Amino acid sequence: MVIALIVFFVLIIVFLLYGYKSNYFLTREYYDIYGFNLNNNKSIKCVMLADLHEICHGNNNSNLIAMVRDEKPDIIFIAGDMLVKNGKGEEECLTLCKDLQKIANVYYAPGNHEVKLQLNEDIYSKIRGTGVSFLSNEYAKIDVNGDQLTVYGLDIPIEHYLKCWKKKTLTTSDIIGLFSLNESNDISKENGILIAHNPEYFDLYEKFGAKLVLSGHNHGGIMRLPILGGVLAPSLRVFPKYDSGLFGQGNTKMVLSRGLGTHHIKFRFFNNPELSIINLHGEERK
């Protein structure tokens, strides 16, 4: 009996240590997105970062930066929550933005932690000061190697991030209004990429007309189980519909990152932090 208890507690300790160390087992996930209107059927390589939450991968994020640089991206996207709501991690975030901007042009949209910061307009201004394009319900028409993309950065009010029983309703019309567009805008023809931190509104993003949605927020479900997938979302939904990976609806695809860090729960069981590498292709999948 005593031996069994010792073995049990040893296994618990090993499991907890594994969960803690998993916070730093940074991995790359690759996604291919087809159907973009690109010249000569070329491809565009993108890297997406999300949910760093002030964690550093290496000194001043040297490991993370090296991994991004190694991919030689044409464009870099940040899908929010690179710091936390009390401002912790601000300097690390700003330093990372400066370093990433030296690799490729960076487009950053806020997550709920940027929104929660009392002086969010101040932090927004500081991020823009690094040279990064910070998009708060704004969009940018950009040229990447001769191809035209439109990048939308969604910044929804904090009530749309509340726990599942408190969450306020969001509509496609709300999203269109936040961008000061009108219902006649046909986003689907623009090679439109929507950076939208919260993946729970994917059906609305599809109706909005984005060709590709880039999201985070759900941290891969914190812990992942075989077949069942992610266990818990920040909204406290158990086994959320959108946990991580590639999702499709209509003509819209969503890449949902497991994120790069942790927040309230400091463990990532069977759920390594993710750097997302996304290749946009001009041809349809054969």
C-alpha atoms as a PDB file:
ATOM      1  CA  MET A   1       0.000   0.000   0.000  1.00  0.00           C
ATOM      2  CA  VAL A   2       2.802   2.400   0.952  1.00  0.00           C
ATOM      3  CA  ILE A   3       4.704   1.607  -2.232  1.00  0.00           C
ATOM      4  CA  ALA A   4       1.558   2.214  -4.296  1.00  0.00           C
ATOM      5  CA  LEU A   5       1.061   5.635  -2.656  1.00  0.00           C
ATOM      6  CA  ILE A   6       4.697   6.576  -3.275  1.00  0.00           C
ATOM      7  CA  VAL A   7       4.398   5.588  -6.936  1.00  0.00           C
ATOM      8  CA  PHE A   8       1.144   7.547  -7.215  1.00  0.00           C
ATOM      9  CA  PHE A   9       2.658  10.745  -5.776  1.00  0.00           C
ATOM     10  CA  VAL A  10       5.791  10.362  -7.894  1.00  0.00           C
ATOM     11  CA  LEU A  11       3.604  10.086 -11.002  1.00  0.00           C
ATOM     12  CA  ILE A  12       1.656  13.198  -9.953  1.00  0.00           C
ATOM     13  CA  ILE A  13       4.888  15.145  -9.493  1.00  0.00           C
ATOM     14  CA  VAL A  14       6.222  13.960 -12.852  1.00  0.00           C
ATOM     15  CA  PHE A  15       2.923  14.912 -14.499  1.00  0.00           C
ATOM     16  CA  LEU A  16       3.019  18.419 -12.977  1.00  0.00           C
ATOM     17  CA  LEU A  17       6.659  18.917 -13.947  1.00  0.00           C
ATOM     18  CA  TYR A  18       5.853  17.802 -17.485  1.00  0.00           C
ATOM     19  CA  GLY A  19       2.954  20.268 -17.619  1.00  0.00           C
ATOM     20  CA  TYR A  20       5.185  23.093 -16.423  1.00  0.00           C
ATOM     21  CA  LYS A  21       8.021  22.276 -18.826  1.00  0.00           C
ATOM     22  CA  SER A  22       5.514  21.960 -21.669  1.00  0.00           C
ATOM     23  CA  ASN A  23       5.026  25.734 -21.397  1.00  0.00           C
ATOM     24  CA  TYR A  24       8.403  26.083 -23.100  1.00  0.00           C
ATOM     25  CA  PHE A  25       8.393  23.242 -25.648  1.00  0.00           C
ATOM     26  CA  LEU A  26       7.835  25.636 -28.545  1.00  0.00           C
ATOM     27  CA  THR A  27       6.624  23.885 -31.700  1.00  0.00           C
ATOM     28  CA  ARG A  28       5.813  24.876 -35.273  1.00  0.00           C
ATOM     29  CA  GLU A  29       2.516  24.045 -36.939  1.00  0.00           C
ATOM     30  CA  TYR A  30       2.162  24.346 -40.725  1.00  0.00           C
ATOM     31  CA  TYR A  31      -1.028  25.209 -42.584  1.00  0.00           C
ATOM     32  CA  ASP A  32      -1.765  25.462 -46.320  1.00  0.00           C
ATOM     33  CA  ILE A  33      -4.604  27.759 -47.373  1.00  0.00           C
ATOM     34  CA  TYR A  34      -5.768  27.542 -50.987  1.00  0.00           C
ATOM     35  CA  GLY A  35      -7.854  29.736 -53.242  1.00  0.00           C
ATOM     36  CA  PHE A  36      -6.211  33.147 -52.855  1.00  0.00           C
ATOM     37  CA  ASN A  37      -6.075  35.339 -55.942  1.00  0.00           C
ATOM     38  CA  LEU A  38      -2.306  35.463 -56.437  1.00  0.00           C
ATOM     39  CA  ASN A  39      -0.234  36.252 -59.501  1.00  0.00           C
ATOM     40  CA  ASN A  40       1.199  33.240 -61.310  1.00  0.00           C
ATOM     41  CA  ASN A  41      -0.118  30.951 -58.570  1.00  0.00           C
ATOM     42  CA  LYS A  42       2.731  31.922 -56.279  1.00  0.00           C
ATOM     43  CA  SER A  43       2.500  31.391 -52.548  1.00  0.00           C
ATOM     44  CA  ILE A  44       2.897  33.790 -49.626  1.00  0.00           C
ATOM     45  CA  LYS A  45       4.453  32.591 -46.385  1.00  0.00           C
ATOM     46  CA  CYS A  46       2.964  34.037 -43.197  1.00  0.00           C
ATOM     47  CA  VAL A  47       3.846  33.533 -39.555  1.00  0.00           C
ATOM     48  CA  MET A  48       1.255  34.059 -36.805  1.00  0.00           C
ATOM     49  CA  LEU A  49       1.916  34.639 -33.107  1.00  0.00           C
ATOM     50  CA  ALA A  50      -0.769  34.765 -30.413  1.00  0.00           C
ATOM     51  CA  ASP A  51      -1.240  34.656 -26.650  1.00  0.00           C
ATOM     52  CA  LEU A  52       2.324  35.092 -25.465  1.00  0.00           C
ATOM     53  CA  HIS A  53       1.027  36.511 -22.143  1.00  0.00           C
ATOM     54  CA  GLU A  54       4.440  37.921 -21.150  1.00  0.00           C
ATOM     55  CA  ILE A  55       6.188  34.536 -21.239  1.00  0.00           C
ATOM     56  CA  CYS A  56       9.664  34.622 -22.816  1.00  0.00           C
ATOM     57  CA  HIS A  57      11.038  31.833 -25.000  1.00  0.00           C
ATOM     58  CA  GLY A  58      14.732  32.356 -24.424  1.00  0.00           C
ATOM     59  CA  ASN A  59      16.419  35.536 -23.267  1.00  0.00           C
ATOM     60  CA  ASN A  60      14.316  38.426 -24.639  1.00  0.00           C
ATOM     61  CA  ASN A  61      12.437  35.822 -26.683  1.00  0.00           C
ATOM     62  CA  SER A  62      15.597  34.959 -28.597  1.00  0.00           C
ATOM     63  CA  ASN A  63      14.393  31.395 -29.298  1.00  0.00           C
ATOM     64  CA  LEU A  64      11.053  32.619 -30.623  1.00  0.00           C
ATOM     65  CA  ILE A  65      12.670  35.290 -32.800  1.00  0.00           C
ATOM     66  CA  ALA A  66      15.176  32.786 -34.189  1.00  0.00           C
ATOM     67  CA  MET A  67      12.356  30.406 -35.077  1.00  0.00           C
ATOM     68  CA  VAL A  68      10.452  33.165 -36.896  1.00  0.00           C
ATOM     69  CA  ARG A  69      13.581  34.301 -38.726  1.00  0.00           C
ATOM     70  CA  ASP A  70      14.327  30.734 -39.756  1.00  0.00           C
ATOM     71  CA  GLU A  71      10.990  30.554 -41.581  1.00  0.00           C
ATOM     72  CA  LYS A  72      11.810  33.625 -43.741  1.00  0.00           C
ATOM     73  CA  PRO A  73       8.194  34.872 -43.738  1.00  0.00           C
ATOM     74  CA  ASP A  74       6.829  37.383 -46.223  1.00  0.00           C
ATOM     75  CA  ILE A  75       4.511  38.782 -43.548  1.00  0.00           C
ATOM     76  CA  ILE A  76       3.967  38.381 -39.803  1.00  0.00           C
ATOM     77  CA  PHE A  77       0.623  38.500 -37.993  1.00  0.00           C
ATOM     78  CA  ILE A  78      -0.022  38.904 -34.265  1.00  0.00           C
ATOM     79  CA  ALA A  79      -3.461  37.828 -33.053  1.00  0.00           C
ATOM     80  CA  GLY A  80      -3.506  39.475 -29.630  1.00  0.00           C
ATOM     81  CA  ASP A  81      -2.725  38.917 -25.942  1.00  0.00           C
ATOM     82  CA  MET A  82       1.011  39.389 -26.134  1.00  0.00           C
ATOM     83  CA  LEU A  83       0.971  40.900 -22.632  1.00  0.00           C
ATOM     84  CA  VAL A  84      -1.474  40.677 -19.724  1.00  0.00           C
ATOM     85  CA  LYS A  85      -4.221  42.972 -18.507  1.00  0.00           C
ATOM     86  CA  ASN A  86      -2.199  44.524 -15.663  1.00  0.00           C
ATOM     87  CA  GLY A  87       0.444  45.617 -18.154  1.00  0.00           C
ATOM     88  CA  LYS A  88       2.952  42.951 -17.178  1.00  0.00           C
ATOM     89  CA  GLY A  89       5.084  42.004 -20.137  1.00  0.00           C
ATOM     90  CA  GLU A  90       4.733  45.379 -21.840  1.00  0.00           C
ATOM     91  CA  GLU A  91       8.459  45.940 -22.375  1.00  0.00           C
ATOM     92  CA  GLU A  92       8.946  42.373 -23.608  1.00  0.00           C
ATOM     93  CA  CYS A  93       6.067  42.840 -26.035  1.00  0.00           C
ATOM     94  CA  LEU A  94       7.463  46.090 -27.400  1.00  0.00           C
ATOM     95  CA  THR A  95      10.955  44.628 -27.775  1.00  0.00           C
ATOM     96  CA  LEU A  96       9.546  41.598 -29.568  1.00  0.00           C
ATOM     97  CA  CYS A  97       7.556  43.821 -31.926  1.00  0.00           C
ATOM     98  CA  LYS A  98      10.705  45.764 -32.837  1.00  0.00           C
ATOM     99  CA  ASP A  99      12.651  42.562 -33.475  1.00  0.00           C
ATOM    100  CA  LEU A 100       9.875  40.991 -35.562  1.00  0.00           C
ATOM    101  CA  GLN A 101       9.495  44.138 -37.661  1.00  0.00           C
ATOM    102  CA  LYS A 102      13.149  43.715 -38.699  1.00  0.00           C
ATOM    103  CA  ILE A 103      12.251  40.323 -40.188  1.00  0.00           C
ATOM    104  CA  ALA A 104       9.054  41.262 -42.083  1.00  0.00           C
ATOM    105  CA  ASN A 105       6.175  43.696 -41.887  1.00  0.00           C
ATOM    106  CA  VAL A 106       4.030  42.954 -38.834  1.00  0.00           C
ATOM    107  CA  TYR A 107       0.240  43.367 -38.516  1.00  0.00           C
ATOM    108  CA  TYR A 108      -1.108  43.182 -34.972  1.00  0.00           C
ATOM    109  CA  ALA A 109      -4.711  43.172 -33.723  1.00  0.00           C
ATOM    110  CA  PRO A 110      -5.620  43.255 -30.019  1.00  0.00           C
ATOM    111  CA  GLY A 111      -6.882  40.479 -27.788  1.00  0.00           C
ATOM    112  CA  ASN A 112      -8.917  40.805 -24.636  1.00  0.00           C
ATOM    113  CA  HIS A 113      -5.871  41.614 -22.498  1.00  0.00           C
ATOM    114  CA  GLU A 114      -4.908  44.585 -24.650  1.00  0.00           C
ATOM    115  CA  VAL A 115      -8.565  45.686 -24.487  1.00  0.00           C
ATOM    116  CA  LYS A 116      -8.639  45.332 -20.673  1.00  0.00           C
ATOM    117  CA  LEU A 117      -5.638  47.570 -20.081  1.00  0.00           C
ATOM    118  CA  GLN A 118      -6.907  50.784 -18.495  1.00  0.00           C
ATOM    119  CA  LEU A 119      -4.679  52.859 -20.735  1.00  0.00           C
ATOM    120  CA  ASN A 120      -5.167  50.745 -23.827  1.00  0.00           C
ATOM    121  CA  GLU A 121      -4.860  53.710 -26.162  1.00  0.00           C
ATOM    122  CA  ASP A 122      -1.466  54.378 -24.598  1.00  0.00           C
ATOM    123  CA  ILE A 123      -0.256  50.816 -25.161  1.00  0.00           C
ATOM    124  CA  TYR A 124      -1.738  50.886 -28.669  1.00  0.00           C
ATOM    125  CA  SER A 125       0.332  53.987 -29.385  1.00  0.00           C
ATOM    126  CA  LYS A 126       3.482  52.382 -27.978  1.00  0.00           C
ATOM    127  CA  ILE A 127       3.013  49.305 -30.159  1.00  0.00           C
ATOM    128  CA  ARG A 128       2.588  51.498 -33.226  1.00  0.00           C
ATOM    129  CA  GLY A 129       5.782  53.275 -32.187  1.00  0.00           C
ATOM    130  CA  THR A 130       7.753  50.063 -32.788  1.00  0.00           C
ATOM    131  CA  GLY A 131       6.933  50.252 -36.509  1.00  0.00           C
ATOM    132  CA  VAL A 132       4.305  47.530 -36.307  1.00  0.00           C
ATOM    133  CA  SER A 133       0.927  48.148 -37.986  1.00  0.00           C
ATOM    134  CA  PHE A 134      -1.500  47.929 -35.062  1.00  0.00           C
ATOM    135  CA  LEU A 135      -5.037  47.546 -36.384  1.00  0.00           C
ATOM    136  CA  SER A 136      -7.858  48.436 -33.985  1.00  0.00           C
ATOM    137  CA  ASN A 137     -10.991  48.070 -36.113  1.00  0.00           C
ATOM    138  CA  GLU A 138      -8.888  49.241 -39.013  1.00  0.00           C
ATOM    139  CA  TYR A 139      -7.745  47.610 -42.204  1.00  0.00           C
ATOM    140  CA  ALA A 140      -4.720  47.891 -44.433  1.00  0.00           C
ATOM    141  CA  LYS A 141      -4.414  47.162 -48.140  1.00  0.00           C
ATOM    142  CA  ILE A 142      -0.948  45.770 -48.611  1.00  0.00           C
ATOM    143  CA  ASP A 143       1.310  44.551 -51.383  1.00  0.00           C
ATOM    144  CA  VAL A 144       3.248  41.340 -50.800  1.00  0.00           C
ATOM    145  CA  ASN A 145       5.632  40.521 -53.626  1.00  0.00           C
ATOM    146  CA  GLY A 146       3.241  42.070 -56.143  1.00  0.00           C
ATOM    147  CA  ASP A 147       0.081  40.469 -54.703  1.00  0.00           C
ATOM    148  CA  GLN A 148      -2.635  42.462 -53.001  1.00  0.00           C
ATOM    149  CA  LEU A 149      -4.062  41.512 -49.599  1.00  0.00           C
ATOM    150  CA  THR A 150      -6.421  43.346 -47.271  1.00  0.00           C
ATOM    151  CA  VAL A 151      -5.735  42.796 -43.570  1.00  0.00           C
ATOM    152  CA  TYR A 152      -8.500  43.578 -41.076  1.00  0.00           C
ATOM    153  CA  GLY A 153      -7.763  43.876 -37.349  1.00  0.00           C
ATOM    154  CA  LEU A 154     -10.869  43.315 -35.209  1.00  0.00           C
ATOM    155  CA  ASP A 155     -11.097  44.965 -31.780  1.00  0.00           C
ATOM    156  CA  ILE A 156     -14.361  43.925 -30.087  1.00  0.00           C
ATOM    157  CA  PRO A 157     -15.567  45.301 -26.718  1.00  0.00           C
ATOM    158  CA  ILE A 158     -14.690  43.316 -23.613  1.00  0.00           C
ATOM    159  CA  GLU A 159     -18.297  42.159 -23.062  1.00  0.00           C
ATOM    160  CA  HIS A 160     -17.848  39.798 -26.006  1.00  0.00           C
ATOM    161  CA  TYR A 161     -15.115  37.972 -24.074  1.00  0.00           C
ATOM    162  CA  LEU A 162     -17.093  37.294 -20.887  1.00  0.00           C
ATOM    163  CA  LYS A 163     -17.832  33.859 -19.479  1.00  0.00           C
ATOM    164  CA  CYS A 164     -20.252  31.895 -21.650  1.00  0.00           C
ATOM    165  CA  TRP A 165     -23.307  32.688 -19.500  1.00  0.00           C
ATOM    166  CA  LYS A 166     -22.534  36.445 -19.418  1.00  0.00           C
ATOM    167  CA  LYS A 167     -21.357  37.010 -22.968  1.00  0.00           C
ATOM    168  CA  LYS A 168     -23.124  39.734 -24.956  1.00  0.00           C
ATOM    169  CA  THR A 169     -24.433  38.996 -28.434  1.00  0.00           C
ATOM    170  CA  LEU A 170     -22.262  39.976 -31.393  1.00  0.00           C
ATOM    171  CA  THR A 171     -23.572  40.197 -34.962  1.00  0.00           C
ATOM    172  CA  THR A 172     -22.048  40.454 -38.408  1.00  0.00           C
ATOM    173  CA  SER A 173     -23.559  43.929 -38.685  1.00  0.00           C
ATOM    174  CA  ASP A 174     -21.676  44.897 -35.509  1.00  0.00           C
ATOM    175  CA  ILE A 175     -18.407  43.801 -37.106  1.00  0.00           C
ATOM    176  CA  ILE A 176     -19.150  45.676 -40.326  1.00  0.00           C
ATOM    177  CA  GLY A 177     -19.987  48.756 -38.252  1.00  0.00           C
ATOM    178  CA  LEU A 178     -16.773  48.547 -36.238  1.00  0.00           C
ATOM    179  CA  PHE A 179     -14.829  48.805 -39.500  1.00  0.00           C
ATOM    180  CA  SER A 180     -17.089  51.636 -40.708  1.00  0.00           C
ATOM    181  CA  LEU A 181     -18.008  49.586 -43.751  1.00  0.00           C
ATOM    182  CA  ASN A 182     -21.439  49.054 -45.240  1.00  0.00           C
ATOM    183  CA  GLU A 183     -23.348  45.907 -46.103  1.00  0.00           C
ATOM    184  CA  SER A 184     -22.459  46.239 -49.800  1.00  0.00           C
ATOM    185  CA  ASN A 185     -18.724  45.770 -49.243  1.00  0.00           C
ATOM    186  CA  ASP A 186     -17.716  42.405 -50.712  1.00  0.00           C
ATOM    187  CA  ILE A 187     -14.774  41.450 -48.524  1.00  0.00           C
ATOM    188  CA  SER A 188     -14.556  38.014 -50.148  1.00  0.00           C
ATOM    189  CA  LYS A 189     -13.123  39.531 -53.340  1.00  0.00           C
ATOM    190  CA  GLU A 190     -10.296  41.338 -51.569  1.00  0.00           C
ATOM    191  CA  ASN A 191      -8.057  38.461 -50.496  1.00  0.00           C
ATOM    192  CA  GLY A 192      -9.346  39.498 -47.072  1.00  0.00           C
ATOM    193  CA  ILE A 193      -7.513  38.297 -43.946  1.00  0.00           C
ATOM    194  CA  LEU A 194      -9.247  38.977 -40.634  1.00  0.00           C
ATOM    195  CA  ILE A 195      -7.203  38.978 -37.432  1.00  0.00           C
ATOM    196  CA  ALA A 196      -9.840  38.227 -34.814  1.00  0.00           C
ATOM    197  CA  HIS A 197      -8.617  37.109 -31.405  1.00  0.00           C
ATOM    198  CA  ASN A 198     -11.769  35.299 -30.267  1.00  0.00           C
ATOM    199  CA  PRO A 199     -12.561  32.239 -32.438  1.00  0.00           C
ATOM    200  CA  GLU A 200     -16.025  31.652 -30.968  1.00  0.00           C
ATOM    201  CA  TYR A 201     -17.534  34.018 -33.553  1.00  0.00           C
ATOM    202  CA  PHE A 202     -16.211  32.121 -36.572  1.00  0.00           C
ATOM    203  CA  ASP A 203     -19.683  31.885 -38.145  1.00  0.00           C
ATOM    204  CA  LEU A 204     -19.881  35.701 -38.094  1.00  0.00           C
ATOM    205  CA  TYR A 205     -16.411  36.054 -39.582  1.00  0.00           C
ATOM    206  CA  GLU A 206     -17.477  33.771 -42.437  1.00  0.00           C
ATOM    207  CA  LYS A 207     -20.557  35.942 -43.066  1.00  0.00           C
ATOM    208  CA  PHE A 208     -18.327  39.013 -42.931  1.00  0.00           C
ATOM    209  CA  GLY A 209     -16.577  37.552 -45.962  1.00  0.00           C
ATOM    210  CA  ALA A 210     -13.023  36.978 -44.779  1.00  0.00           C
ATOM    211  CA  LYS A 211     -11.111  34.434 -46.815  1.00  0.00           C
ATOM    212  CA  LEU A 212      -8.848  33.634 -43.867  1.00  0.00           C
ATOM    213  CA  VAL A 213      -9.357  34.230 -40.134  1.00  0.00           C
ATOM    214  CA  LEU A 214      -6.434  34.243 -37.692  1.00  0.00           C
ATOM    215  CA  SER A 215      -7.350  33.598 -34.053  1.00  0.00           C
ATOM    216  CA  GLY A 216      -6.034  32.547 -30.656  1.00  0.00           C
ATOM    217  CA  HIS A 217      -7.565  33.079 -27.212  1.00  0.00           C
ATOM    218  CA  ASN A 218      -8.547  29.472 -26.396  1.00  0.00           C
ATOM    219  CA  HIS A 219      -4.987  28.288 -25.642  1.00  0.00           C
ATOM    220  CA  GLY A 220      -5.669  24.966 -27.355  1.00  0.00           C
ATOM    221  CA  GLY A 221      -8.127  24.121 -24.588  1.00  0.00           C
ATOM    222  CA  ILE A 222      -5.331  24.337 -21.950  1.00  0.00           C
ATOM    223  CA  MET A 223      -5.144  20.536 -21.717  1.00  0.00           C
ATOM    224  CA  ARG A 224      -5.668  18.266 -24.708  1.00  0.00           C
ATOM    225  CA  LEU A 225      -7.042  14.737 -24.657  1.00  0.00           C
ATOM    226  CA  PRO A 226      -6.887  12.146 -27.446  1.00  0.00           C
ATOM    227  CA  ILE A 227      -9.961  12.311 -29.748  1.00  0.00           C
ATOM    228  CA  LEU A 228     -11.739  14.795 -27.423  1.00  0.00           C
ATOM    229  CA  GLY A 229      -9.283  17.642 -28.073  1.00  0.00           C
ATOM    230  CA  GLY A 230      -9.079  20.788 -25.940  1.00  0.00           C
ATOM    231  CA  VAL A 231     -10.738  20.595 -22.532  1.00  0.00           C
ATOM    232  CA  LEU A 232     -11.509  24.177 -21.444  1.00  0.00           C
ATOM    233  CA  ALA A 233     -11.845  27.589 -23.098  1.00  0.00           C
ATOM    234  CA  PRO A 234     -11.358  30.933 -21.273  1.00  0.00           C
ATOM    235  CA  SER A 235     -15.151  31.409 -21.455  1.00  0.00           C
ATOM    236  CA  LEU A 236     -15.342  28.193 -19.353  1.00  0.00           C
ATOM    237  CA  ARG A 237     -16.885  26.210 -22.176  1.00  0.00           C
ATOM    238  CA  VAL A 238     -15.937  22.570 -21.724  1.00  0.00           C
ATOM    239  CA  PHE A 239     -14.571  20.887 -24.876  1.00  0.00           C
ATOM    240  CA  PRO A 240     -14.984  24.052 -26.985  1.00  0.00           C
ATOM    241  CA  LYS A 241     -15.966  23.666 -30.618  1.00  0.00           C
ATOM    242  CA  TYR A 242     -12.905  25.667 -31.662  1.00  0.00           C
ATOM    243  CA  ASP A 243      -9.808  24.632 -29.727  1.00  0.00           C
ATOM    244  CA  SER A 244      -6.881  24.704 -32.168  1.00  0.00           C
ATOM    245  CA  GLY A 245      -5.940  23.925 -35.744  1.00  0.00           C
ATOM    246  CA  LEU A 246      -7.599  24.556 -39.094  1.00  0.00           C
ATOM    247  CA  PHE A 247     -11.345  25.047 -39.457  1.00  0.00           C
ATOM    248  CA  GLY A 248     -13.475  25.685 -42.533  1.00  0.00           C
ATOM    249  CA  GLN A 249     -16.929  27.097 -43.155  1.00  0.00           C
ATOM    250  CA  GLY A 250     -18.204  28.072 -46.593  1.00  0.00           C
ATOM    251  CA  ASN A 251     -15.339  29.783 -48.404  1.00  0.00           C
ATOM    252  CA  THR A 252     -13.630  30.835 -45.172  1.00  0.00           C
ATOM    253  CA  LYS A 253     -10.789  29.115 -43.341  1.00  0.00           C
ATOM    254  CA  MET A 254      -9.687  29.810 -39.772  1.00  0.00           C
ATOM    255  CA  VAL A 255      -6.259  29.056 -38.337  1.00  0.00           C
ATOM    256  CA  LEU A 256      -6.569  28.885 -34.567  1.00  0.00           C
ATOM    257  CA  SER A 257      -3.284  28.945 -32.685  1.00  0.00           C
ATOM    258  CA  ARG A 258      -2.735  27.093 -29.420  1.00  0.00           C
ATOM    259  CA  GLY A 259      -0.865  30.212 -28.333  1.00  0.00           C
ATOM    260  CA  LEU A 260       2.662  30.822 -27.114  1.00  0.00           C
ATOM    261  CA  GLY A 261       2.154  31.230 -23.376  1.00  0.00           C
ATOM    262  CA  THR A 262      -0.156  30.699 -20.426  1.00  0.00           C
ATOM    263  CA  HIS A 263      -2.146  32.921 -18.109  1.00  0.00           C
ATOM    264  CA  HIS A 264      -4.231  31.865 -15.106  1.00  0.00           C
ATOM    265  CA  ILE A 265      -3.406  28.162 -15.456  1.00  0.00           C
ATOM    266  CA  LYS A 266       0.374  27.767 -15.799  1.00  0.00           C
ATOM    267  CA  PHE A 267       0.333  24.318 -17.343  1.00  0.00           C
ATOM    268  CA  ARG A 268      -0.059  23.090 -20.919  1.00  0.00           C
ATOM    269  CA  PHE A 269      -0.700  19.361 -20.726  1.00  0.00           C
ATOM    270  CA  PHE A 270      -0.173  17.626 -24.109  1.00  0.00           C
ATOM    271  CA  ASN A 271      -0.560  21.080 -25.622  1.00  0.00           C
ATOM    272  CA  ASN A 272       2.767  22.626 -26.569  1.00  0.00           C
ATOM    273  CA  PRO A 273       2.938  26.347 -27.396  1.00  0.00           C
ATOM    274  CA  GLU A 274       2.590  27.004 -31.119  1.00  0.00           C
ATOM    275  CA  LEU A 275       4.168  29.186 -33.745  1.00  0.00           C
ATOM    276  CA  SER A 276       1.822  29.045 -36.747  1.00  0.00           C
ATOM    277  CA  ILE A 277       3.303  29.010 -40.264  1.00  0.00           C
ATOM    278  CA  ILE A 278       0.681  29.618 -42.930  1.00  0.00           C
ATOM    279  CA  ASN A 279       1.258  29.304 -46.658  1.00  0.00           C
ATOM    280  CA  LEU A 280      -1.256  31.098 -48.865  1.00  0.00           C
ATOM    281  CA  HIS A 281      -1.635  29.478 -52.276  1.00  0.00           C
ATOM    282  CA  GLY A 282      -3.079  30.857 -55.470  1.00  0.00           C
ATOM    283  CA  GLU A 283      -4.290  27.555 -56.832  1.00  0.00           C
ATOM    284  CA  GLU A 284      -7.091  25.415 -55.474  1.00  0.00           C
ATOM    285  CA  ARG A 285      -6.141  22.174 -53.766  1.00  0.00           C
ATOM    286  CA  LYS A 286      -5.967  19.319 -56.278  1.00  0.00           C
END
